[in-house]
Structures are given as C-alpha cells and as structure tokens.
Amino acid sequence: MDRMKKQAAKNREAARTARNRGNEDAAKRLEDRADALESGRVTDRTDEVSAWVRWGFGRR
C-alpha cells in the first residue's frame, strides 16, 4: 500500500505542475487517478506480477 500512497503523492504533484502550466484537463486526470489510488479502488499487483515473471524465467 505504501507504493500506492507514494504514487498518489506523485500524481498530485504532477497535477499541480500541469495546472501551473495551464493544462487543466491533465491535472483533472492526475487528481482522479490519485483519488482512486488513495481510496483503494486500485489493486497493487506488482508483487504478484514479479513472482510470475521470476517463476516464468526460472522454468527455462
């Protein structure tokens, strides 16, 4: 979950940058993504995918 909180913070920072540059549409998308990450509607599958890749390469 820590990765998702970090990514949400990065998305919010990117949204501020986009908003400062006048790109409100991109800022809105980044804020929506950050909200989804913080709410738990997105599942972090990084560890599971990494395990499958290691398993796949180990079967050569």
N, C-alpha and C. Protein backbone atom coordinates (compact mmCIF):
# COMPACT_ATOMS: atom_id res chain seq x y z
N MET A 1 0.82 -1.20 0.00
CA MET A 1 0.00 0.00 0.00
C MET A 1 0.86 1.25 0.00
N ASP A 2 2.07 1.13 0.54
CA ASP A 2 2.96 2.28 0.60
C ASP A 2 3.30 2.80 -0.80
N ARG A 3 3.50 1.87 -1.75
CA ARG A 3 3.79 2.27 -3.13
C ARG A 3 2.66 3.09 -3.71
N MET A 4 1.44 2.69 -3.38
CA MET A 4 0.28 3.39 -3.94
C MET A 4 0.14 4.79 -3.35
N LYS A 5 0.44 4.94 -2.07
CA LYS A 5 0.40 6.28 -1.46
C LYS A 5 1.47 7.18 -2.06
N LYS A 6 2.65 6.61 -2.29
CA LYS A 6 3.72 7.39 -2.90
C LYS A 6 3.33 7.81 -4.32
N GLN A 7 2.72 6.90 -5.06
CA GLN A 7 2.31 7.23 -6.42
C GLN A 7 1.21 8.28 -6.42
N ALA A 8 0.30 8.19 -5.47
CA ALA A 8 -0.76 9.20 -5.36
C ALA A 8 -0.16 10.57 -5.10
N ALA A 9 0.85 10.63 -4.24
CA ALA A 9 1.52 11.91 -3.95
C ALA A 9 2.21 12.45 -5.20
N LYS A 10 2.84 11.56 -5.97
CA LYS A 10 3.49 11.97 -7.21
C LYS A 10 2.46 12.48 -8.21
N ASN A 11 1.30 11.81 -8.28
CA ASN A 11 0.25 12.25 -9.19
C ASN A 11 -0.28 13.62 -8.79
N ARG A 12 -0.42 13.86 -7.50
CA ARG A 12 -0.90 15.17 -7.05
C ARG A 12 0.12 16.26 -7.38
N GLU A 13 1.40 15.97 -7.23
CA GLU A 13 2.45 16.93 -7.58
C GLU A 13 2.43 17.21 -9.09
N ALA A 14 2.27 16.15 -9.88
CA ALA A 14 2.20 16.32 -11.33
C ALA A 14 0.95 17.13 -11.72
N ALA A 15 -0.13 16.94 -10.99
CA ALA A 15 -1.35 17.70 -11.26
C ALA A 15 -1.12 19.19 -10.98
N ARG A 16 -0.41 19.50 -9.89
CA ARG A 16 -0.09 20.90 -9.60
C ARG A 16 0.75 21.52 -10.71
N THR A 17 1.74 20.75 -11.19
CA THR A 17 2.59 21.22 -12.28
C THR A 17 1.77 21.45 -13.55
N ALA A 18 0.91 20.49 -13.87
CA ALA A 18 0.07 20.63 -15.07
C ALA A 18 -0.85 21.84 -14.94
N ARG A 19 -1.41 22.03 -13.77
CA ARG A 19 -2.30 23.16 -13.54
C ARG A 19 -1.54 24.49 -13.68
N ASN A 20 -0.32 24.53 -13.16
CA ASN A 20 0.52 25.74 -13.28
C ASN A 20 0.84 26.06 -14.73
N ARG A 21 0.92 25.03 -15.55
CA ARG A 21 1.22 25.21 -16.97
C ARG A 21 -0.05 25.45 -17.80
N GLY A 22 -1.19 25.48 -17.14
CA GLY A 22 -2.44 25.77 -17.83
C GLY A 22 -3.14 24.57 -18.43
N ASN A 23 -2.74 23.37 -18.06
CA ASN A 23 -3.34 22.17 -18.62
C ASN A 23 -4.30 21.57 -17.59
N GLU A 24 -5.49 22.11 -17.53
CA GLU A 24 -6.48 21.70 -16.53
C GLU A 24 -6.98 20.27 -16.77
N ASP A 25 -7.10 19.86 -18.03
CA ASP A 25 -7.59 18.50 -18.32
C ASP A 25 -6.63 17.44 -17.77
N ALA A 26 -5.35 17.62 -18.01
CA ALA A 26 -4.36 16.67 -17.50
C ALA A 26 -4.34 16.68 -15.98
N ALA A 27 -4.46 17.86 -15.40
CA ALA A 27 -4.47 17.97 -13.94
C ALA A 27 -5.66 17.22 -13.35
N LYS A 28 -6.80 17.33 -13.98
CA LYS A 28 -8.01 16.63 -13.50
C LYS A 28 -7.82 15.11 -13.58
N ARG A 29 -7.24 14.63 -14.68
CA ARG A 29 -6.99 13.18 -14.82
C ARG A 29 -6.02 12.69 -13.74
N LEU A 30 -4.98 13.46 -13.48
CA LEU A 30 -4.00 13.06 -12.47
C LEU A 30 -4.61 13.08 -11.07
N GLU A 31 -5.44 14.07 -10.78
CA GLU A 31 -6.12 14.12 -9.48
C GLU A 31 -7.09 12.95 -9.32
N ASP A 32 -7.81 12.62 -10.38
CA ASP A 32 -8.73 11.48 -10.33
C ASP A 32 -7.99 10.18 -10.07
N ARG A 33 -6.84 10.02 -10.72
CA ARG A 33 -6.03 8.82 -10.52
C ARG A 33 -5.50 8.76 -9.08
N ALA A 34 -5.08 9.89 -8.56
CA ALA A 34 -4.59 9.93 -7.18
C ALA A 34 -5.72 9.58 -6.21
N ASP A 35 -6.91 10.08 -6.47
CA ASP A 35 -8.06 9.75 -5.63
C ASP A 35 -8.34 8.25 -5.65
N ALA A 36 -8.27 7.65 -6.84
CA ALA A 36 -8.50 6.21 -6.97
C ALA A 36 -7.44 5.41 -6.22
N LEU A 37 -6.20 5.84 -6.30
CA LEU A 37 -5.12 5.14 -5.59
C LEU A 37 -5.31 5.22 -4.09
N GLU A 38 -5.71 6.37 -3.60
CA GLU A 38 -5.88 6.55 -2.16
C GLU A 38 -7.13 5.87 -1.62
N SER A 39 -8.14 5.72 -2.46
CA SER A 39 -9.40 5.15 -1.99
C SER A 39 -9.37 3.63 -1.89
N GLY A 40 -8.39 3.01 -2.54
CA GLY A 40 -8.33 1.55 -2.51
C GLY A 40 -9.07 0.90 -3.68
N ARG A 41 -9.57 1.70 -4.62
CA ARG A 41 -10.27 1.14 -5.78
C ARG A 41 -9.30 0.50 -6.76
N VAL A 42 -8.01 0.76 -6.58
CA VAL A 42 -6.98 0.19 -7.45
C VAL A 42 -6.21 -0.83 -6.63
N THR A 43 -5.96 -1.98 -7.21
CA THR A 43 -5.25 -3.04 -6.51
C THR A 43 -3.80 -3.08 -6.97
N ASP A 44 -2.89 -3.11 -6.03
CA ASP A 44 -1.46 -3.18 -6.34
C ASP A 44 -1.11 -4.64 -6.61
N ARG A 45 -0.78 -4.94 -7.84
CA ARG A 45 -0.46 -6.31 -8.24
C ARG A 45 1.02 -6.48 -8.55
N THR A 46 1.85 -5.50 -8.18
CA THR A 46 3.26 -5.52 -8.54
C THR A 46 3.97 -6.77 -8.04
N ASP A 47 3.77 -7.11 -6.77
CA ASP A 47 4.45 -8.28 -6.21
C ASP A 47 4.01 -9.57 -6.89
N GLU A 48 2.74 -9.67 -7.17
CA GLU A 48 2.22 -10.87 -7.83
C GLU A 48 2.79 -11.02 -9.24
N VAL A 49 2.83 -9.93 -9.98
CA VAL A 49 3.37 -9.98 -11.34
C VAL A 49 4.86 -10.31 -11.30
N SER A 50 5.59 -9.72 -10.37
CA SER A 50 7.02 -10.02 -10.24
C SER A 50 7.25 -11.50 -9.96
N ALA A 51 6.43 -12.08 -9.11
CA ALA A 51 6.56 -13.51 -8.80
C ALA A 51 6.31 -14.36 -10.03
N TRP A 52 5.31 -14.02 -10.81
CA TRP A 52 5.03 -14.78 -12.04
C TRP A 52 6.17 -14.66 -13.04
N VAL A 53 6.75 -13.49 -13.16
CA VAL A 53 7.86 -13.30 -14.10
C VAL A 53 9.07 -14.12 -13.63
N ARG A 54 9.39 -14.06 -12.34
CA ARG A 54 10.51 -14.86 -11.83
C ARG A 54 10.27 -16.34 -12.05
N TRP A 55 9.04 -16.78 -11.80
CA TRP A 55 8.71 -18.19 -11.99
C TRP A 55 8.86 -18.57 -13.47
N GLY A 56 8.37 -17.71 -14.36
CA GLY A 56 8.46 -17.99 -15.79
C GLY A 56 9.88 -18.09 -16.30
N PHE A 57 10.73 -17.17 -15.86
CA PHE A 57 12.12 -17.20 -16.30
C PHE A 57 12.88 -18.35 -15.65
N GLY A 58 12.45 -18.79 -14.51
CA GLY A 58 13.11 -19.91 -13.84
C GLY A 58 12.81 -21.26 -14.47
N ARG A 59 11.82 -21.32 -15.35
CA ARG A 59 11.40 -22.58 -15.95
C ARG A 59 12.05 -22.81 -17.31
N ARG A 60 13.09 -22.10 -17.63
CA ARG A 60 13.74 -22.30 -18.94
C ARG A 60 14.51 -23.58 -18.99
